[in-house]
Amino acid sequence: MKLLQKSLLVVILVLLLVVAQLFFIKSEKGGSYYAFLQNPLRVIKKQDSPLDTLLIPLLLKEVNQKRMMYRNLHFINECLALLDIDEIESKGEYLALKSKKKIHKSIRNKIEQNAKKFLGYRYVWGATGPKKFDCSGFTQKVFKIVGINLPRVSREQAKVGKYVSFNALKKGDIVFFDTNHRKTGRVTHVGIYLEDGKFIHASSGGKKVMITSFKRRAFYKNRFLWGRRII
């Protein structure tokens, strides 16, 4: 019984010494326990402790476990401090939107490039290519190249996509006109908006695919009905 008591006393004494040594260890990091977790062997040996031989084999395993726990918690806390869930979601939405805009811009540029390849091609009523077009045959062909299928005639194309007013037009939007001698409000002509107040179309008056400026040709500005945004 006395032997057991002595053994327990020794264990308690050792633990107290261990705690005392950990408590009074100084480090440049500003926390003794932090330094000990980072490198227990260096800290203990640096102190020239008489308990080196006892401390190292008893505590090294536990210290390694606590060290990993500390580092994991530290990493998680740093992440949480930098970004909360709402910020992560909002940034994800922002990146997705940014990527979507880049794709749309690329498609609009391709539409412009493909449309301009047909400049000078003859206008023929009812033609859909490859060497001659009417107005809706031209728009149908250009959009088909980029993988978008439009209806055949202009009045049906005018129902596709999102309505766009004149002042909100962007490159790649489809523009519709009433070119009848007397205005009826019905779609009779279609083209593709470019930029700077210009659009490209297969013109019955010009007898070819051409670029027209709304500023120079007030007729088209006066006969404009609406635009449609497919992209």
Protein backbone atom coordinates (compact mmCIF):
# COMPACT_ATOMS: atom_id res chain seq x y z
CA MET A 1 0.00 0.00 0.00
CA LYS A 2 2.82 2.36 0.90
CA LEU A 3 4.58 1.43 -2.33
CA LEU A 4 1.48 2.34 -4.34
CA GLN A 5 1.18 5.65 -2.56
CA LYS A 6 4.81 6.44 -3.24
CA SER A 7 4.38 5.55 -6.92
CA LEU A 8 1.34 7.79 -7.25
CA LEU A 9 3.21 10.60 -5.52
CA VAL A 10 6.10 10.25 -7.95
CA VAL A 11 3.73 10.33 -10.94
CA ILE A 12 1.97 13.43 -9.61
CA LEU A 13 5.29 15.11 -8.97
CA VAL A 14 6.50 14.35 -12.50
CA LEU A 15 3.30 15.69 -13.99
CA LEU A 16 3.59 18.87 -11.96
CA LEU A 17 7.16 19.33 -13.13
CA VAL A 18 6.11 18.75 -16.72
CA VAL A 19 3.31 21.29 -16.46
CA ALA A 20 5.59 23.76 -14.72
CA GLN A 21 8.26 23.40 -17.41
CA LEU A 22 5.74 23.86 -20.22
CA PHE A 23 4.27 26.89 -18.50
CA PHE A 24 7.57 28.70 -18.07
CA ILE A 25 9.10 27.88 -21.47
CA LYS A 26 9.63 31.11 -23.41
CA SER A 27 9.42 31.44 -27.18
CA GLU A 28 9.68 34.06 -29.88
CA LYS A 29 6.18 33.20 -31.06
CA GLY A 30 4.68 34.65 -27.92
CA GLY A 31 3.31 31.43 -26.45
CA SER A 32 5.21 28.63 -24.73
CA TYR A 33 2.66 25.94 -25.51
CA TYR A 34 2.58 27.02 -29.15
CA ALA A 35 6.38 26.75 -29.40
CA PHE A 36 6.37 23.39 -27.68
CA LEU A 37 3.78 22.04 -30.10
CA GLN A 38 5.76 23.32 -33.06
CA ASN A 39 9.01 21.66 -32.03
CA PRO A 40 9.04 19.89 -28.65
CA LEU A 41 12.56 18.49 -28.99
CA ARG A 42 14.11 21.88 -29.80
CA VAL A 43 12.27 23.69 -27.01
CA ILE A 44 13.00 21.09 -24.34
CA LYS A 45 16.67 20.75 -25.25
CA LYS A 46 17.08 24.50 -25.48
CA GLN A 47 16.02 24.77 -21.85
CA ASP A 48 18.67 22.25 -20.77
CA SER A 49 16.06 20.55 -18.64
CA PRO A 50 17.08 17.68 -16.35
CA LEU A 51 13.83 16.01 -17.36
CA ASP A 52 14.79 15.64 -21.06
CA THR A 53 15.19 11.90 -20.83
CA LEU A 54 11.82 11.51 -19.13
CA LEU A 55 9.81 14.08 -21.06
CA ILE A 56 10.73 13.10 -24.61
CA PRO A 57 9.65 9.44 -24.63
CA LEU A 58 6.51 10.13 -22.54
CA LEU A 59 5.19 13.16 -24.41
CA LEU A 60 6.44 12.96 -27.99
CA LYS A 61 3.52 10.84 -29.27
CA GLU A 62 0.90 12.99 -27.59
CA VAL A 63 2.58 16.18 -28.74
CA ASN A 64 2.55 15.03 -32.36
CA GLN A 65 -1.19 14.37 -32.14
CA LYS A 66 -1.86 17.75 -30.55
CA ARG A 67 0.40 19.44 -33.05
CA MET A 68 -1.70 18.10 -35.94
CA MET A 69 -4.89 19.09 -34.16
CA TYR A 70 -3.57 22.60 -33.58
CA ARG A 71 -2.48 23.03 -37.19
CA ASN A 72 -5.82 21.79 -38.55
CA LEU A 73 -7.78 24.11 -36.30
CA HIS A 74 -5.49 26.99 -37.14
CA PHE A 75 -5.96 26.41 -40.88
CA ILE A 76 -9.75 26.14 -40.58
CA ASN A 77 -9.96 29.30 -38.49
CA GLU A 78 -7.85 31.21 -40.99
CA CYS A 79 -10.16 30.12 -43.82
CA LEU A 80 -13.27 31.06 -41.87
CA ALA A 81 -11.77 34.44 -41.02
CA LEU A 82 -11.05 35.18 -44.67
CA LEU A 83 -14.34 34.01 -46.17
CA ASP A 84 -17.73 33.14 -44.78
CA ILE A 85 -20.25 30.94 -46.59
CA ASP A 86 -22.19 33.88 -48.07
CA GLU A 87 -18.99 35.38 -49.48
CA ILE A 88 -17.97 32.06 -51.02
CA GLU A 89 -21.39 31.68 -52.66
CA SER A 90 -21.41 35.26 -53.94
CA LYS A 91 -17.90 34.89 -55.35
CA GLY A 92 -18.93 31.64 -57.03
CA GLU A 93 -21.92 33.37 -58.61
CA TYR A 94 -19.72 36.26 -59.70
CA LEU A 95 -17.23 33.93 -61.40
CA ALA A 96 -20.03 32.00 -63.09
CA LEU A 97 -21.59 35.23 -64.35
CA LYS A 98 -18.23 36.52 -65.52
CA SER A 99 -17.60 33.29 -67.40
CA LYS A 100 -21.08 33.42 -68.95
CA LYS A 101 -20.52 36.97 -70.18
CA LYS A 102 -17.23 35.97 -71.79
CA ILE A 103 -18.94 33.12 -73.64
CA HIS A 104 -21.74 35.40 -74.84
CA LYS A 105 -19.24 38.00 -76.01
CA SER A 106 -17.34 35.35 -77.94
CA ILE A 107 -20.52 34.17 -79.68
CA ARG A 108 -21.51 37.73 -80.60
CA ASN A 109 -18.07 38.29 -82.11
CA LYS A 110 -18.39 35.10 -84.14
CA ILE A 111 -21.82 36.19 -85.39
CA GLU A 112 -20.32 39.48 -86.58
CA GLN A 113 -17.37 37.74 -88.23
CA ASN A 114 -19.54 35.17 -90.00
CA ALA A 115 -22.07 37.77 -91.14
CA LYS A 116 -19.34 39.93 -92.69
CA LYS A 117 -18.07 36.94 -94.69
CA PHE A 118 -21.25 37.21 -96.76
CA LEU A 119 -20.85 40.90 -97.58
CA GLY A 120 -21.59 41.48 -101.27
CA TYR A 121 -23.53 38.23 -101.73
CA ARG A 122 -26.61 38.74 -103.94
CA TYR A 123 -30.07 39.36 -102.55
CA VAL A 124 -32.68 37.02 -104.01
CA TRP A 125 -36.17 36.71 -102.56
CA GLY A 126 -36.71 33.26 -101.00
CA ALA A 127 -33.00 32.32 -101.12
CA THR A 128 -31.23 30.75 -98.14
CA GLY A 129 -27.70 30.42 -99.55
CA PRO A 130 -25.05 29.43 -100.08
CA LYS A 131 -24.33 32.21 -102.61
CA LYS A 132 -27.52 34.26 -102.38
CA PHE A 133 -29.97 35.20 -99.64
CA ASP A 134 -33.11 37.04 -98.75
CA CYS A 135 -33.15 38.92 -95.43
CA SER A 136 -34.42 36.11 -93.17
CA GLY A 137 -32.44 33.49 -95.07
CA PHE A 138 -29.31 35.50 -94.29
CA THR A 139 -29.99 35.81 -90.53
CA GLN A 140 -30.96 32.14 -90.36
CA LYS A 141 -27.70 31.12 -92.04
CA VAL A 142 -25.45 33.29 -89.84
CA PHE A 143 -26.97 32.02 -86.60
CA LYS A 144 -26.94 28.42 -87.80
CA ILE A 145 -23.15 28.62 -88.18
CA VAL A 146 -22.83 29.24 -84.43
CA GLY A 147 -25.30 26.46 -83.61
CA ILE A 148 -28.50 28.51 -83.20
CA ASN A 149 -31.54 27.51 -85.24
CA LEU A 150 -33.90 30.31 -86.20
CA PRO A 151 -37.29 30.03 -87.94
CA ARG A 152 -37.25 30.55 -91.69
CA VAL A 153 -39.25 33.76 -92.08
CA SER A 154 -38.74 37.17 -90.44
CA ARG A 155 -42.16 37.39 -88.75
CA GLU A 156 -41.42 34.11 -86.93
CA GLN A 157 -37.87 35.12 -86.09
CA ALA A 158 -39.36 38.24 -84.48
CA LYS A 159 -40.98 36.05 -81.81
CA VAL A 160 -37.76 34.33 -80.70
CA GLY A 161 -35.61 35.47 -77.80
CA LYS A 162 -35.93 38.54 -75.59
CA TYR A 163 -37.43 41.87 -76.63
CA VAL A 164 -34.87 44.69 -76.94
CA SER A 165 -35.54 48.39 -77.47
CA PHE A 166 -33.51 50.44 -79.94
CA ASN A 167 -31.37 52.13 -77.28
CA ALA A 168 -30.54 48.80 -75.63
CA LEU A 169 -29.28 47.03 -78.76
CA LYS A 170 -26.06 45.02 -78.54
CA LYS A 171 -23.88 43.31 -81.10
CA GLY A 172 -25.56 40.10 -82.25
CA ASP A 173 -29.14 41.22 -81.59
CA ILE A 174 -31.61 40.69 -84.43
CA VAL A 175 -33.34 43.86 -85.63
CA PHE A 176 -36.78 43.98 -87.26
CA PHE A 177 -38.43 46.53 -89.50
CA ASP A 178 -41.68 47.44 -91.17
CA THR A 179 -40.58 48.42 -94.69
CA ASN A 180 -44.05 48.57 -96.26
CA HIS A 181 -44.91 51.74 -98.16
CA ARG A 182 -47.47 52.46 -95.50
CA LYS A 183 -46.63 51.50 -91.96
CA THR A 184 -48.62 48.55 -90.70
CA GLY A 185 -46.54 47.52 -87.69
CA ARG A 186 -45.89 44.14 -89.28
CA VAL A 187 -42.41 42.67 -89.65
CA THR A 188 -41.24 42.66 -93.26
CA HIS A 189 -37.45 42.90 -92.94
CA VAL A 190 -34.70 41.66 -90.60
CA GLY A 191 -30.99 42.22 -90.03
CA ILE A 192 -28.27 41.73 -87.41
CA TYR A 193 -27.09 44.61 -85.24
CA LEU A 194 -23.34 45.22 -85.17
CA GLU A 195 -22.09 48.27 -83.25
CA ASP A 196 -22.04 52.05 -83.44
CA GLY A 197 -25.57 52.29 -84.84
CA LYS A 198 -24.95 49.88 -87.73
CA PHE A 199 -26.54 46.62 -88.82
CA ILE A 200 -25.86 44.04 -91.51
CA HIS A 201 -28.62 42.63 -93.71
CA ALA A 202 -29.52 41.19 -97.08
CA SER A 203 -31.08 44.28 -98.63
CA SER A 204 -33.69 44.07 -101.34
CA GLY A 205 -33.02 47.73 -102.18
CA GLY A 206 -29.24 47.29 -102.33
CA LYS A 207 -29.59 43.87 -104.00
CA LYS A 208 -26.88 42.42 -101.78
CA VAL A 209 -25.68 41.74 -98.23
CA MET A 210 -24.51 45.07 -96.88
CA ILE A 211 -23.91 47.16 -93.76
CA THR A 212 -26.27 50.08 -93.16
CA SER A 213 -26.00 52.93 -90.67
CA PHE A 214 -29.12 54.07 -88.83
CA LYS A 215 -27.66 57.58 -88.78
CA ARG A 216 -27.12 57.77 -92.52
CA ARG A 217 -30.29 55.95 -93.48
CA ALA A 218 -33.04 57.54 -91.40
CA PHE A 219 -35.56 55.33 -93.21
CA TYR A 220 -34.49 52.28 -91.20
CA LYS A 221 -34.49 54.21 -87.93
CA ASN A 222 -38.04 55.36 -88.62
CA ARG A 223 -39.16 51.87 -89.63
CA PHE A 224 -37.47 50.05 -86.76
CA LEU A 225 -39.91 47.92 -84.74
CA TRP A 226 -37.86 46.09 -82.10
CA GLY A 227 -34.84 43.91 -81.53
CA ARG A 228 -34.56 40.35 -80.26
CA ARG A 229 -31.70 39.04 -78.17
CA ILE A 230 -30.97 35.35 -78.69
CA ILE A 231 -27.65 35.34 -76.81
